[in-house]
Amino acid sequence: MTIKPIKTEQDYLEALERLERIFDSEKGTEAGDELEILSILIDQYEREHFPIDTPDPVEAIKFRMDQMGLQQKDLARVVGYKSRVSEILNKKRKLTLTMIRKLSRALHIPPDVLIQDYAIE
């Protein structure tokens, strides 16, 4: 087992190749330990080189509404008026802290996603 830091794209590709070969290794074995360490190194490299941006709050709301089969009238029960929901979904109104809390609970969206700033159109 020779594990080295992943510094280049070539190192990354080689690490992925090795990971695939030892993927079914049992815990507590030498290959299992290598799998665990390699997974951590790959994860660190991916976080640094392929960061995933936090989604736009309004798009996250729309996505969850679609997943849950909700309509604007359903959100009106959460944030107040149907017209307010329309303004939010059309980016004419910003979310308030109270709305963020309610939407987070109702739609199971992490507050850190909803609190992100976005442009009013």
PDB file of N, CA and C in Angstrom:
ATOM      1  N   MET A   1       0.854  -1.179   0.000  1.00  0.00           N
ATOM      2  CA  MET A   1       0.000   0.000   0.000  1.00  0.00           C
ATOM      3  C   MET A   1       0.892   1.232   0.000  1.00  0.00           C
ATOM      4  N   THR A   2       0.874   1.955  -1.115  1.00  0.00           N
ATOM      5  CA  THR A   2       1.609   3.204  -1.210  1.00  0.00           C
ATOM      6  C   THR A   2       0.594   4.310  -1.471  1.00  0.00           C
ATOM      7  N   ILE A   3       0.339   5.088  -0.458  1.00  0.00           N
ATOM      8  CA  ILE A   3      -0.619   6.190  -0.592  1.00  0.00           C
ATOM      9  C   ILE A   3       0.179   7.480  -0.578  1.00  0.00           C
ATOM     10  N   LYS A   4      -0.153   8.367  -1.511  1.00  0.00           N
ATOM     11  CA  LYS A   4       0.531   9.653  -1.587  1.00  0.00           C
ATOM     12  C   LYS A   4      -0.515  10.748  -1.763  1.00  0.00           C
ATOM     13  N   PRO A   5      -0.162  11.978  -1.439  1.00  0.00           N
ATOM     14  CA  PRO A   5      -1.105  13.089  -1.614  1.00  0.00           C
ATOM     15  C   PRO A   5      -1.538  13.216  -3.077  1.00  0.00           C
ATOM     16  N   ILE A   6      -2.740  13.710  -3.260  1.00  0.00           N
ATOM     17  CA  ILE A   6      -3.252  13.947  -4.611  1.00  0.00           C
ATOM     18  C   ILE A   6      -3.020  15.422  -4.908  1.00  0.00           C
ATOM     19  N   LYS A   7      -2.052  15.686  -5.784  1.00  0.00           N
ATOM     20  CA  LYS A   7      -1.671  17.066  -6.087  1.00  0.00           C
ATOM     21  C   LYS A   7      -2.028  17.486  -7.508  1.00  0.00           C
ATOM     22  N   THR A   8      -2.129  16.537  -8.414  1.00  0.00           N
ATOM     23  CA  THR A   8      -2.385  16.861  -9.819  1.00  0.00           C
ATOM     24  C   THR A   8      -3.604  16.087 -10.310  1.00  0.00           C
ATOM     25  N   GLU A   9      -4.067  16.471 -11.480  1.00  0.00           N
ATOM     26  CA  GLU A   9      -5.195  15.750 -12.070  1.00  0.00           C
ATOM     27  C   GLU A   9      -4.809  14.298 -12.361  1.00  0.00           C
ATOM     28  N   GLN A  10      -3.560  14.089 -12.763  1.00  0.00           N
ATOM     29  CA  GLN A  10      -3.090  12.721 -13.021  1.00  0.00           C
ATOM     30  C   GLN A  10      -3.116  11.894 -11.736  1.00  0.00           C
ATOM     31  N   ASP A  11      -2.663  12.496 -10.626  1.00  0.00           N
ATOM     32  CA  ASP A  11      -2.732  11.809  -9.325  1.00  0.00           C
ATOM     33  C   ASP A  11      -4.177  11.447  -8.994  1.00  0.00           C
ATOM     34  N   TYR A  12      -5.072  12.387  -9.266  1.00  0.00           N
ATOM     35  CA  TYR A  12      -6.498  12.196  -8.990  1.00  0.00           C
ATOM     36  C   TYR A  12      -7.058  11.027  -9.801  1.00  0.00           C
ATOM     37  N   LEU A  13      -6.758  11.012 -11.083  1.00  0.00           N
ATOM     38  CA  LEU A  13      -7.249   9.931 -11.946  1.00  0.00           C
ATOM     39  C   LEU A  13      -6.696   8.570 -11.511  1.00  0.00           C
ATOM     40  N   GLU A  14      -5.437   8.537 -11.131  1.00  0.00           N
ATOM     41  CA  GLU A  14      -4.836   7.294 -10.651  1.00  0.00           C
ATOM     42  C   GLU A  14      -5.485   6.840  -9.337  1.00  0.00           C
ATOM     43  N   ALA A  15      -5.780   7.799  -8.481  1.00  0.00           N
ATOM     44  CA  ALA A  15      -6.424   7.474  -7.208  1.00  0.00           C
ATOM     45  C   ALA A  15      -7.821   6.904  -7.449  1.00  0.00           C
ATOM     46  N   LEU A  16      -8.568   7.496  -8.390  1.00  0.00           N
ATOM     47  CA  LEU A  16      -9.901   6.983  -8.717  1.00  0.00           C
ATOM     48  C   LEU A  16      -9.824   5.560  -9.273  1.00  0.00           C
ATOM     49  N   GLU A  17      -8.834   5.339 -10.110  1.00  0.00           N
ATOM     50  CA  GLU A  17      -8.625   4.005 -10.687  1.00  0.00           C
ATOM     51  C   GLU A  17      -8.346   2.981  -9.579  1.00  0.00           C
ATOM     52  N   ARG A  18      -7.476   3.344  -8.667  1.00  0.00           N
ATOM     53  CA  ARG A  18      -7.131   2.442  -7.565  1.00  0.00           C
ATOM     54  C   ARG A  18      -8.351   2.215  -6.665  1.00  0.00           C
ATOM     55  N   LEU A  19      -9.086   3.278  -6.403  1.00  0.00           N
ATOM     56  CA  LEU A  19     -10.280   3.177  -5.572  1.00  0.00           C
ATOM     57  C   LEU A  19     -11.262   2.174  -6.178  1.00  0.00           C
ATOM     58  N   GLU A  20     -11.425   2.230  -7.473  1.00  0.00           N
ATOM     59  CA  GLU A  20     -12.338   1.314  -8.155  1.00  0.00           C
ATOM     60  C   GLU A  20     -11.885  -0.141  -7.980  1.00  0.00           C
ATOM     61  N   ARG A  21     -10.593  -0.367  -8.034  1.00  0.00           N
ATOM     62  CA  ARG A  21     -10.061  -1.735  -7.898  1.00  0.00           C
ATOM     63  C   ARG A  21     -10.254  -2.309  -6.490  1.00  0.00           C
ATOM     64  N   ILE A  22     -10.167  -1.444  -5.465  1.00  0.00           N
ATOM     65  CA  ILE A  22     -10.243  -1.935  -4.087  1.00  0.00           C
ATOM     66  C   ILE A  22     -11.574  -1.606  -3.412  1.00  0.00           C
ATOM     67  N   PHE A  23     -12.542  -1.179  -4.193  1.00  0.00           N
ATOM     68  CA  PHE A  23     -13.808  -0.667  -3.653  1.00  0.00           C
ATOM     69  C   PHE A  23     -14.523  -1.653  -2.724  1.00  0.00           C
ATOM     70  N   ASP A  24     -14.462  -2.919  -2.984  1.00  0.00           N
ATOM     71  CA  ASP A  24     -15.183  -3.915  -2.185  1.00  0.00           C
ATOM     72  C   ASP A  24     -14.346  -4.510  -1.055  1.00  0.00           C
ATOM     73  N   SER A  25     -13.251  -3.856  -0.725  1.00  0.00           N
ATOM     74  CA  SER A  25     -12.368  -4.364   0.338  1.00  0.00           C
ATOM     75  C   SER A  25     -13.072  -4.322   1.689  1.00  0.00           C
ATOM     76  N   GLU A  26     -12.755  -5.273   2.532  1.00  0.00           N
ATOM     77  CA  GLU A  26     -13.358  -5.358   3.857  1.00  0.00           C
ATOM     78  C   GLU A  26     -12.642  -4.442   4.840  1.00  0.00           C
ATOM     79  N   LYS A  27     -13.423  -3.873   5.747  1.00  0.00           N
ATOM     80  CA  LYS A  27     -12.846  -3.046   6.807  1.00  0.00           C
ATOM     81  C   LYS A  27     -11.890  -3.876   7.642  1.00  0.00           C
ATOM     82  N   GLY A  28     -10.853  -3.207   8.109  1.00  0.00           N
ATOM     83  CA  GLY A  28      -9.901  -3.876   8.979  1.00  0.00           C
ATOM     84  C   GLY A  28      -8.794  -4.602   8.238  1.00  0.00           C
ATOM     85  N   THR A  29      -8.910  -4.667   6.916  1.00  0.00           N
ATOM     86  CA  THR A  29      -7.840  -5.286   6.127  1.00  0.00           C
ATOM     87  C   THR A  29      -6.930  -4.173   5.623  1.00  0.00           C
ATOM     88  N   GLU A  30      -5.770  -4.556   5.109  1.00  0.00           N
ATOM     89  CA  GLU A  30      -4.851  -3.558   4.558  1.00  0.00           C
ATOM     90  C   GLU A  30      -5.519  -2.808   3.412  1.00  0.00           C
ATOM     91  N   ALA A  31      -6.193  -3.535   2.524  1.00  0.00           N
ATOM     92  CA  ALA A  31      -6.886  -2.895   1.401  1.00  0.00           C
ATOM     93  C   ALA A  31      -8.047  -2.037   1.899  1.00  0.00           C
ATOM     94  N   GLY A  32      -8.717  -2.470   2.958  1.00  0.00           N
ATOM     95  CA  GLY A  32      -9.805  -1.687   3.545  1.00  0.00           C
ATOM     96  C   GLY A  32      -9.303  -0.373   4.118  1.00  0.00           C
ATOM     97  N   ASP A  33      -8.138  -0.418   4.768  1.00  0.00           N
ATOM     98  CA  ASP A  33      -7.528   0.807   5.300  1.00  0.00           C
ATOM     99  C   ASP A  33      -7.123   1.742   4.159  1.00  0.00           C
ATOM    100  N   GLU A  34      -6.558   1.159   3.115  1.00  0.00           N
ATOM    101  CA  GLU A  34      -6.172   1.954   1.949  1.00  0.00           C
ATOM    102  C   GLU A  34      -7.406   2.614   1.332  1.00  0.00           C
ATOM    103  N   LEU A  35      -8.490   1.870   1.232  1.00  0.00           N
ATOM    104  CA  LEU A  35      -9.741   2.404   0.685  1.00  0.00           C
ATOM    105  C   LEU A  35     -10.213   3.606   1.493  1.00  0.00           C
ATOM    106  N   GLU A  36     -10.177   3.485   2.794  1.00  0.00           N
ATOM    107  CA  GLU A  36     -10.624   4.569   3.670  1.00  0.00           C
ATOM    108  C   GLU A  36      -9.764   5.822   3.490  1.00  0.00           C
ATOM    109  N   ILE A  37      -8.459   5.658   3.500  1.00  0.00           N
ATOM    110  CA  ILE A  37      -7.542   6.800   3.358  1.00  0.00           C
ATOM    111  C   ILE A  37      -7.666   7.419   1.970  1.00  0.00           C
ATOM    112  N   LEU A  38      -7.732   6.589   0.954  1.00  0.00           N
ATOM    113  CA  LEU A  38      -7.857   7.074  -0.420  1.00  0.00           C
ATOM    114  C   LEU A  38      -9.157   7.854  -0.613  1.00  0.00           C
ATOM    115  N   SER A  39     -10.228   7.386   0.001  1.00  0.00           N
ATOM    116  CA  SER A  39     -11.523   8.085  -0.087  1.00  0.00           C
ATOM    117  C   SER A  39     -11.430   9.485   0.499  1.00  0.00           C
ATOM    118  N   ILE A  40     -10.720   9.605   1.610  1.00  0.00           N
ATOM    119  CA  ILE A  40     -10.545  10.914   2.257  1.00  0.00           C
ATOM    120  C   ILE A  40      -9.727  11.842   1.358  1.00  0.00           C
ATOM    121  N   LEU A  41      -8.654  11.331   0.792  1.00  0.00           N
ATOM    122  CA  LEU A  41      -7.808  12.143  -0.088  1.00  0.00           C
ATOM    123  C   LEU A  41      -8.563  12.588  -1.338  1.00  0.00           C
ATOM    124  N   ILE A  42      -9.330  11.685  -1.920  1.00  0.00           N
ATOM    125  CA  ILE A  42     -10.116  12.021  -3.116  1.00  0.00           C
ATOM    126  C   ILE A  42     -11.161  13.073  -2.776  1.00  0.00           C
ATOM    127  N   ASP A  43     -11.838  12.907  -1.652  1.00  0.00           N
ATOM    128  CA  ASP A  43     -12.850  13.871  -1.226  1.00  0.00           C
ATOM    129  C   ASP A  43     -12.234  15.259  -1.038  1.00  0.00           C
ATOM    130  N   GLN A  44     -11.074  15.315  -0.404  1.00  0.00           N
ATOM    131  CA  GLN A  44     -10.394  16.596  -0.184  1.00  0.00           C
ATOM    132  C   GLN A  44     -10.029  17.249  -1.522  1.00  0.00           C
ATOM    133  N   TYR A  45      -9.488  16.471  -2.446  1.00  0.00           N
ATOM    134  CA  TYR A  45      -9.113  16.994  -3.759  1.00  0.00           C
ATOM    135  C   TYR A  45     -10.356  17.525  -4.488  1.00  0.00           C
ATOM    136  N   GLU A  46     -11.449  16.773  -4.442  1.00  0.00           N
ATOM    137  CA  GLU A  46     -12.673  17.191  -5.136  1.00  0.00           C
ATOM    138  C   GLU A  46     -13.258  18.459  -4.525  1.00  0.00           C
ATOM    139  N   ARG A  47     -13.209  18.574  -3.213  1.00  0.00           N
ATOM    140  CA  ARG A  47     -13.724  19.795  -2.566  1.00  0.00           C
ATOM    141  C   ARG A  47     -12.918  21.029  -2.987  1.00  0.00           C
ATOM    142  N   GLU A  48     -11.621  20.858  -3.142  1.00  0.00           N
ATOM    143  CA  GLU A  48     -10.763  21.979  -3.536  1.00  0.00           C
ATOM    144  C   GLU A  48     -10.886  22.319  -5.018  1.00  0.00           C
ATOM    145  N   HIS A  49     -11.019  21.300  -5.865  1.00  0.00           N
ATOM    146  CA  HIS A  49     -10.968  21.526  -7.303  1.00  0.00           C
ATOM    147  C   HIS A  49     -12.327  21.524  -8.006  1.00  0.00           C
ATOM    148  N   PHE A  50     -13.331  20.958  -7.380  1.00  0.00           N
ATOM    149  CA  PHE A  50     -14.664  20.888  -7.982  1.00  0.00           C
ATOM    150  C   PHE A  50     -15.721  21.326  -6.969  1.00  0.00           C
ATOM    151  N   PRO A  51     -15.612  22.549  -6.454  1.00  0.00           N
ATOM    152  CA  PRO A  51     -16.571  22.973  -5.427  1.00  0.00           C
ATOM    153  C   PRO A  51     -17.993  23.055  -5.991  1.00  0.00           C
ATOM    154  N   ILE A  52     -18.941  22.743  -5.146  1.00  0.00           N
ATOM    155  CA  ILE A  52     -20.343  22.822  -5.534  1.00  0.00           C
ATOM    156  C   ILE A  52     -20.916  24.076  -4.888  1.00  0.00           C
ATOM    157  N   ASP A  53     -21.413  24.978  -5.710  1.00  0.00           N
ATOM    158  CA  ASP A  53     -21.987  26.219  -5.200  1.00  0.00           C
ATOM    159  C   ASP A  53     -23.329  25.953  -4.527  1.00  0.00           C
ATOM    160  N   THR A  54     -23.634  26.782  -3.559  1.00  0.00           N
ATOM    161  CA  THR A  54     -24.934  26.721  -2.918  1.00  0.00           C
ATOM    162  C   THR A  54     -25.982  27.161  -3.940  1.00  0.00           C
ATOM    163  N   PRO A  55     -27.091  26.448  -4.042  1.00  0.00           N
ATOM    164  CA  PRO A  55     -28.090  26.815  -5.043  1.00  0.00           C
ATOM    165  C   PRO A  55     -28.753  28.155  -4.733  1.00  0.00           C
ATOM    166  N   ASP A  56     -29.267  28.777  -5.756  1.00  0.00           N
ATOM    167  CA  ASP A  56     -30.045  29.999  -5.619  1.00  0.00           C
ATOM    168  C   ASP A  56     -31.260  29.684  -4.734  1.00  0.00           C
ATOM    169  N   PRO A  57     -31.568  30.537  -3.736  1.00  0.00           N
ATOM    170  CA  PRO A  57     -32.679  30.249  -2.825  1.00  0.00           C
ATOM    171  C   PRO A  57     -34.018  30.040  -3.534  1.00  0.00           C
ATOM    172  N   VAL A  58     -34.322  30.889  -4.494  1.00  0.00           N
ATOM    173  CA  VAL A  58     -35.609  30.788  -5.191  1.00  0.00           C
ATOM    174  C   VAL A  58     -35.661  29.508  -6.017  1.00  0.00           C
ATOM    175  N   GLU A  59     -34.561  29.165  -6.664  1.00  0.00           N
ATOM    176  CA  GLU A  59     -34.524  27.929  -7.447  1.00  0.00           C
ATOM    177  C   GLU A  59     -34.648  26.716  -6.527  1.00  0.00           C
ATOM    178  N   ALA A  60     -34.071  26.791  -5.338  1.00  0.00           N
ATOM    179  CA  ALA A  60     -34.183  25.698  -4.365  1.00  0.00           C
ATOM    180  C   ALA A  60     -35.642  25.530  -3.929  1.00  0.00           C
ATOM    181  N   ILE A  61     -36.327  26.640  -3.717  1.00  0.00           N
ATOM    182  CA  ILE A  61     -37.749  26.591  -3.344  1.00  0.00           C
ATOM    183  C   ILE A  61     -38.563  25.965  -4.473  1.00  0.00           C
ATOM    184  N   LYS A  62     -38.336  26.431  -5.688  1.00  0.00           N
ATOM    185  CA  LYS A  62     -39.072  25.877  -6.835  1.00  0.00           C
ATOM    186  C   LYS A  62     -38.806  24.388  -7.004  1.00  0.00           C
ATOM    187  N   PHE A  63     -37.558  23.988  -6.830  1.00  0.00           N
ATOM    188  CA  PHE A  63     -37.192  22.584  -6.971  1.00  0.00           C
ATOM    189  C   PHE A  63     -37.924  21.731  -5.937  1.00  0.00           C
ATOM    190  N   ARG A  64     -37.912  22.184  -4.672  1.00  0.00           N
ATOM    191  CA  ARG A  64     -38.591  21.428  -3.611  1.00  0.00           C
ATOM    192  C   ARG A  64     -40.098  21.418  -3.824  1.00  0.00           C
ATOM    193  N   MET A  65     -40.655  22.517  -4.296  1.00  0.00           N
ATOM    194  CA  MET A  65     -42.091  22.549  -4.586  1.00  0.00           C
ATOM    195  C   MET A  65     -42.425  21.488  -5.624  1.00  0.00           C
ATOM    196  N   ASP A  66     -41.605  21.408  -6.653  1.00  0.00           N
ATOM    197  CA  ASP A  66     -41.808  20.420  -7.707  1.00  0.00           C
ATOM    198  C   ASP A  66     -41.690  19.002  -7.137  1.00  0.00           C
ATOM    199  N   GLN A  67     -40.659  18.771  -6.334  1.00  0.00           N
ATOM    200  CA  GLN A  67     -40.453  17.444  -5.730  1.00  0.00           C
ATOM    201  C   GLN A  67     -41.621  17.037  -4.846  1.00  0.00           C
ATOM    202  N   MET A  68     -42.177  18.006  -4.133  1.00  0.00           N
ATOM    203  CA  MET A  68     -43.240  17.714  -3.179  1.00  0.00           C
ATOM    204  C   MET A  68     -44.631  17.846  -3.789  1.00  0.00           C
ATOM    205  N   GLY A  69     -44.691  18.238  -5.063  1.00  0.00           N
ATOM    206  CA  GLY A  69     -45.983  18.403  -5.728  1.00  0.00           C
ATOM    207  C   GLY A  69     -46.783  19.573  -5.179  1.00  0.00           C
ATOM    208  N   LEU A  70     -46.096  20.629  -4.763  1.00  0.00           N
ATOM    209  CA  LEU A  70     -46.759  21.797  -4.184  1.00  0.00           C
ATOM    210  C   LEU A  70     -46.996  22.876  -5.231  1.00  0.00           C
ATOM    211  N   GLN A  71     -48.022  23.678  -4.974  1.00  0.00           N
ATOM    212  CA  GLN A  71     -48.324  24.827  -5.833  1.00  0.00           C
ATOM    213  C   GLN A  71     -48.185  26.091  -5.005  1.00  0.00           C
ATOM    214  N   GLN A  72     -48.310  27.239  -5.678  1.00  0.00           N
ATOM    215  CA  GLN A  72     -48.151  28.517  -4.975  1.00  0.00           C
ATOM    216  C   GLN A  72     -49.118  28.634  -3.809  1.00  0.00           C
ATOM    217  N   LYS A  73     -50.347  28.157  -3.990  1.00  0.00           N
ATOM    218  CA  LYS A  73     -51.338  28.258  -2.905  1.00  0.00           C
ATOM    219  C   LYS A  73     -50.891  27.494  -1.665  1.00  0.00           C
ATOM    220  N   ASP A  74     -50.142  26.392  -1.875  1.00  0.00           N
ATOM    221  CA  ASP A  74     -49.639  25.624  -0.741  1.00  0.00           C
ATOM    222  C   ASP A  74     -48.601  26.422   0.040  1.00  0.00           C
ATOM    223  N   LEU A  75     -47.772  27.177  -0.687  1.00  0.00           N
ATOM    224  CA  LEU A  75     -46.764  28.007  -0.009  1.00  0.00           C
ATOM    225  C   LEU A  75     -47.395  29.211   0.661  1.00  0.00           C
ATOM    226  N   ALA A  76     -48.535  29.645   0.160  1.00  0.00           N
ATOM    227  CA  ALA A  76     -49.222  30.786   0.772  1.00  0.00           C
ATOM    228  C   ALA A  76     -49.581  30.466   2.224  1.00  0.00           C
ATOM    229  N   ARG A  77     -49.846  29.209   2.506  1.00  0.00           N
ATOM    230  CA  ARG A  77     -50.149  28.798   3.887  1.00  0.00           C
ATOM    231  C   ARG A  77     -48.914  28.941   4.777  1.00  0.00           C
ATOM    232  N   VAL A  78     -47.747  28.914   4.161  1.00  0.00           N
ATOM    233  CA  VAL A  78     -46.494  28.996   4.917  1.00  0.00           C
ATOM    234  C   VAL A  78     -46.061  30.448   5.103  1.00  0.00           C
ATOM    235  N   VAL A  79     -46.058  31.235   4.018  1.00  0.00           N
ATOM    236  CA  VAL A  79     -45.510  32.596   4.086  1.00  0.00           C
ATOM    237  C   VAL A  79     -46.560  33.700   4.105  1.00  0.00           C
ATOM    238  N   GLY A  80     -47.813  33.361   3.982  1.00  0.00           N
ATOM    239  CA  GLY A  80     -48.834  34.394   4.021  1.00  0.00           C
ATOM    240  C   GLY A  80     -49.674  34.408   2.764  1.00  0.00           C
ATOM    241  N   TYR A  81     -49.601  35.482   2.037  1.00  0.00           N
ATOM    242  CA  TYR A  81     -50.472  35.676   0.880  1.00  0.00           C
ATOM    243  C   TYR A  81     -49.941  35.006  -0.383  1.00  0.00           C
ATOM    244  N   LYS A  82     -50.872  34.628  -1.258  1.00  0.00           N
ATOM    245  CA  LYS A  82     -50.497  34.013  -2.532  1.00  0.00           C
ATOM    246  C   LYS A  82     -49.704  35.012  -3.379  1.00  0.00           C
ATOM    247  N   SER A  83     -50.069  36.284  -3.295  1.00  0.00           N
ATOM    248  CA  SER A  83     -49.352  37.303  -4.066  1.00  0.00           C
ATOM    249  C   SER A  83     -47.903  37.429  -3.581  1.00  0.00           C
ATOM    250  N   ARG A  84     -47.683  37.241  -2.289  1.00  0.00           N
ATOM    251  CA  ARG A  84     -46.324  37.303  -1.736  1.00  0.00           C
ATOM    252  C   ARG A  84     -45.492  36.141  -2.272  1.00  0.00           C
ATOM    253  N   VAL A  85     -46.101  34.972  -2.344  1.00  0.00           N
ATOM    254  CA  VAL A  85     -45.412  33.796  -2.890  1.00  0.00           C
ATOM    255  C   VAL A  85     -45.028  34.068  -4.338  1.00  0.00           C
ATOM    256  N   SER A  86     -45.937  34.635  -5.096  1.00  0.00           N
ATOM    257  CA  SER A  86     -45.670  34.961  -6.502  1.00  0.00           C
ATOM    258  C   SER A  86     -44.504  35.936  -6.612  1.00  0.00           C
ATOM    259  N   GLU A  87     -44.488  36.947  -5.761  1.00  0.00           N
ATOM    260  CA  GLU A  87     -43.395  37.925  -5.776  1.00  0.00           C
ATOM    261  C   GLU A  87     -42.056  37.256  -5.450  1.00  0.00           C
ATOM    262  N   ILE A  88     -42.063  36.337  -4.504  1.00  0.00           N
ATOM    263  CA  ILE A  88     -40.835  35.628  -4.128  1.00  0.00           C
ATOM    264  C   ILE A  88     -40.360  34.762  -5.284  1.00  0.00           C
ATOM    265  N   LEU A  89     -41.263  33.961  -5.848  1.00  0.00           N
ATOM    266  CA  LEU A  89     -40.885  33.038  -6.916  1.00  0.00           C
ATOM    267  C   LEU A  89     -40.466  33.760  -8.198  1.00  0.00           C
ATOM    268  N   ASN A  90     -40.933  34.987  -8.376  1.00  0.00           N
ATOM    269  CA  ASN A  90     -40.544  35.790  -9.538  1.00  0.00           C
ATOM    270  C   ASN A  90     -39.416  36.759  -9.210  1.00  0.00           C
ATOM    271  N   LYS A  91     -38.835  36.601  -8.032  1.00  0.00           N
ATOM    272  CA  LYS A  91     -37.716  37.424  -7.564  1.00  0.00           C
ATOM    273  C   LYS A  91     -38.032  38.918  -7.554  1.00  0.00           C
ATOM    274  N   LYS A  92     -39.246  39.221  -7.154  1.00  0.00           N
ATOM    275  CA  LYS A  92     -39.660  40.619  -6.994  1.00  0.00           C
ATOM    276  C   LYS A  92     -39.581  41.038  -5.524  1.00  0.00           C
ATOM    277  N   ARG A  93     -39.450  40.044  -4.640  1.00  0.00           N
ATOM    278  CA  ARG A  93     -39.391  40.291  -3.203  1.00  0.00           C
ATOM    279  C   ARG A  93     -38.339  39.373  -2.591  1.00  0.00           C
ATOM    280  N   LYS A  94     -37.587  39.919  -1.640  1.00  0.00           N
ATOM    281  CA  LYS A  94     -36.586  39.136  -0.911  1.00  0.00           C
ATOM    282  C   LYS A  94     -37.271  38.351   0.204  1.00  0.00           C
ATOM    283  N   LEU A  95     -36.644  37.266   0.582  1.00  0.00           N
ATOM    284  CA  LEU A  95     -37.124  36.476   1.710  1.00  0.00           C
ATOM    285  C   LEU A  95     -36.755  37.180   3.016  1.00  0.00           C
ATOM    286  N   THR A  96     -37.679  37.210   3.945  1.00  0.00           N
ATOM    287  CA  THR A  96     -37.381  37.736   5.277  1.00  0.00           C
ATOM    288  C   THR A  96     -36.869  36.587   6.147  1.00  0.00           C
ATOM    289  N   LEU A  97     -36.315  36.917   7.271  1.00  0.00           N
ATOM    290  CA  LEU A  97     -35.808  35.895   8.192  1.00  0.00           C
ATOM    291  C   LEU A  97     -36.944  34.973   8.644  1.00  0.00           C
ATOM    292  N   THR A  98     -38.107  35.546   8.908  1.00  0.00           N
ATOM    293  CA  THR A  98     -39.269  34.743   9.318  1.00  0.00           C
ATOM    294  C   THR A  98     -39.670  33.788   8.202  1.00  0.00           C
ATOM    295  N   MET A  99     -39.688  34.276   6.964  1.00  0.00           N
ATOM    296  CA  MET A  99     -40.030  33.414   5.824  1.00  0.00           C
ATOM    297  C   MET A  99     -39.009  32.288   5.683  1.00  0.00           C
ATOM    298  N   ILE A 100     -37.738  32.625   5.846  1.00  0.00           N
ATOM    299  CA  ILE A 100     -36.669  31.624   5.728  1.00  0.00           C
ATOM    300  C   ILE A 100     -36.877  30.513   6.745  1.00  0.00           C
ATOM    301  N   ARG A 101     -37.188  30.889   7.963  1.00  0.00           N
ATOM    302  CA  ARG A 101     -37.416  29.879   9.010  1.00  0.00           C
ATOM    303  C   ARG A 101     -38.604  28.983   8.656  1.00  0.00           C
ATOM    304  N   LYS A 102     -39.698  29.597   8.237  1.00  0.00           N
ATOM    305  CA  LYS A 102     -40.904  28.831   7.917  1.00  0.00           C
ATOM    306  C   LYS A 102     -40.692  27.935   6.692  1.00  0.00           C
ATOM    307  N   LEU A 103     -40.064  28.481   5.657  1.00  0.00           N
ATOM    308  CA  LEU A 103     -39.824  27.705   4.443  1.00  0.00           C
ATOM    309  C   LEU A 103     -38.845  26.560   4.705  1.00  0.00           C
ATOM    310  N   SER A 104     -37.863  26.822   5.528  1.00  0.00           N
ATOM    311  CA  SER A 104     -36.890  25.784   5.860  1.00  0.00           C
ATOM    312  C   SER A 104     -37.581  24.599   6.523  1.00  0.00           C
ATOM    313  N   ARG A 105     -38.466  24.891   7.468  1.00  0.00           N
ATOM    314  CA  ARG A 105     -39.194  23.813   8.158  1.00  0.00           C
ATOM    315  C   ARG A 105     -40.172  23.108   7.219  1.00  0.00           C
ATOM    316  N   ALA A 106     -40.916  23.882   6.459  1.00  0.00           N
ATOM    317  CA  ALA A 106     -41.959  23.300   5.608  1.00  0.00           C
ATOM    318  C   ALA A 106     -41.401  22.529   4.421  1.00  0.00           C
ATOM    319  N   LEU A 107     -40.314  23.040   3.825  1.00  0.00           N
ATOM    320  CA  LEU A 107     -39.779  22.419   2.606  1.00  0.00           C
ATOM    321  C   LEU A 107     -38.527  21.580   2.863  1.00  0.00           C
ATOM    322  N   HIS A 108     -38.062  21.580   4.096  1.00  0.00           N
ATOM    323  CA  HIS A 108     -36.851  20.828   4.463  1.00  0.00           C
ATOM    324  C   HIS A 108     -35.648  21.269   3.627  1.00  0.00           C
ATOM    325  N   ILE A 109     -35.514  22.594   3.514  1.00  0.00           N
ATOM    326  CA  ILE A 109     -34.363  23.187   2.835  1.00  0.00           C
ATOM    327  C   ILE A 109     -33.485  23.794   3.926  1.00  0.00           C
ATOM    328  N   PRO A 110     -32.187  23.504   3.929  1.00  0.00           N
ATOM    329  CA  PRO A 110     -31.322  24.078   4.961  1.00  0.00           C
ATOM    330  C   PRO A 110     -31.378  25.611   4.943  1.00  0.00           C
ATOM    331  N   PRO A 111     -31.444  26.229   6.111  1.00  0.00           N
ATOM    332  CA  PRO A 111     -31.508  27.691   6.184  1.00  0.00           C
ATOM    333  C   PRO A 111     -30.346  28.374   5.466  1.00  0.00           C
ATOM    334  N   ASP A 112     -29.147  27.758   5.474  1.00  0.00           N
ATOM    335  CA  ASP A 112     -28.004  28.395   4.824  1.00  0.00           C
ATOM    336  C   ASP A 112     -28.201  28.502   3.309  1.00  0.00           C
ATOM    337  N   VAL A 113     -29.062  27.689   2.740  1.00  0.00           N
ATOM    338  CA  VAL A 113     -29.384  27.814   1.309  1.00  0.00           C
ATOM    339  C   VAL A 113     -30.330  28.994   1.108  1.00  0.00           C
ATOM    340  N   LEU A 114     -31.344  29.087   1.956  1.00  0.00           N
ATOM    341  CA  LEU A 114     -32.362  30.128   1.799  1.00  0.00           C
ATOM    342  C   LEU A 114     -31.853  31.523   2.158  1.00  0.00           C
ATOM    343  N   ILE A 115     -30.851  31.601   2.995  1.00  0.00           N
ATOM    344  CA  ILE A 115     -30.358  32.902   3.447  1.00  0.00           C
ATOM    345  C   ILE A 115     -29.442  33.576   2.426  1.00  0.00           C
ATOM    346  N   GLN A 116     -29.022  32.831   1.412  1.00  0.00           N
ATOM    347  CA  GLN A 116     -28.130  33.380   0.371  1.00  0.00           C
ATOM    348  C   GLN A 116     -28.795  34.602  -0.292  1.00  0.00           C
ATOM    349  N   ASP A 117     -27.979  35.583  -0.599  1.00  0.00           N
ATOM    350  CA  ASP A 117     -28.486  36.777  -1.259  1.00  0.00           C
ATOM    351  C   ASP A 117     -28.726  36.494  -2.742  1.00  0.00           C
ATOM    352  N   TYR A 118     -29.707  37.147  -3.309  1.00  0.00           N
ATOM    353  CA  TYR A 118     -29.998  37.032  -4.733  1.00  0.00           C
ATOM    354  C   TYR A 118     -30.549  38.363  -5.228  1.00  0.00           C
ATOM    355  N   ALA A 119     -30.411  38.561  -6.527  1.00  0.00           N
ATOM    356  CA  ALA A 119     -30.828  39.840  -7.125  1.00  0.00           C
ATOM    357  C   ALA A 119     -32.341  39.882  -7.326  1.00  0.00           C
ATOM    358  N   ILE A 120     -32.904  41.030  -7.047  1.00  0.00           N
ATOM    359  CA  ILE A 120     -34.310  41.282  -7.323  1.00  0.00           C
ATOM    360  C   ILE A 120     -34.405  41.682  -8.791  1.00  0.00           C
ATOM    361  N   GLU A 121     -35.332  41.088  -9.487  1.00  0.00           N
ATOM    362  CA  GLU A 121     -35.461  41.371 -10.939  1.00  0.00           C
ATOM    363  C   GLU A 121     -36.587  42.326 -11.219  1.00  0.00           C
TER     364      GLU A 121
END
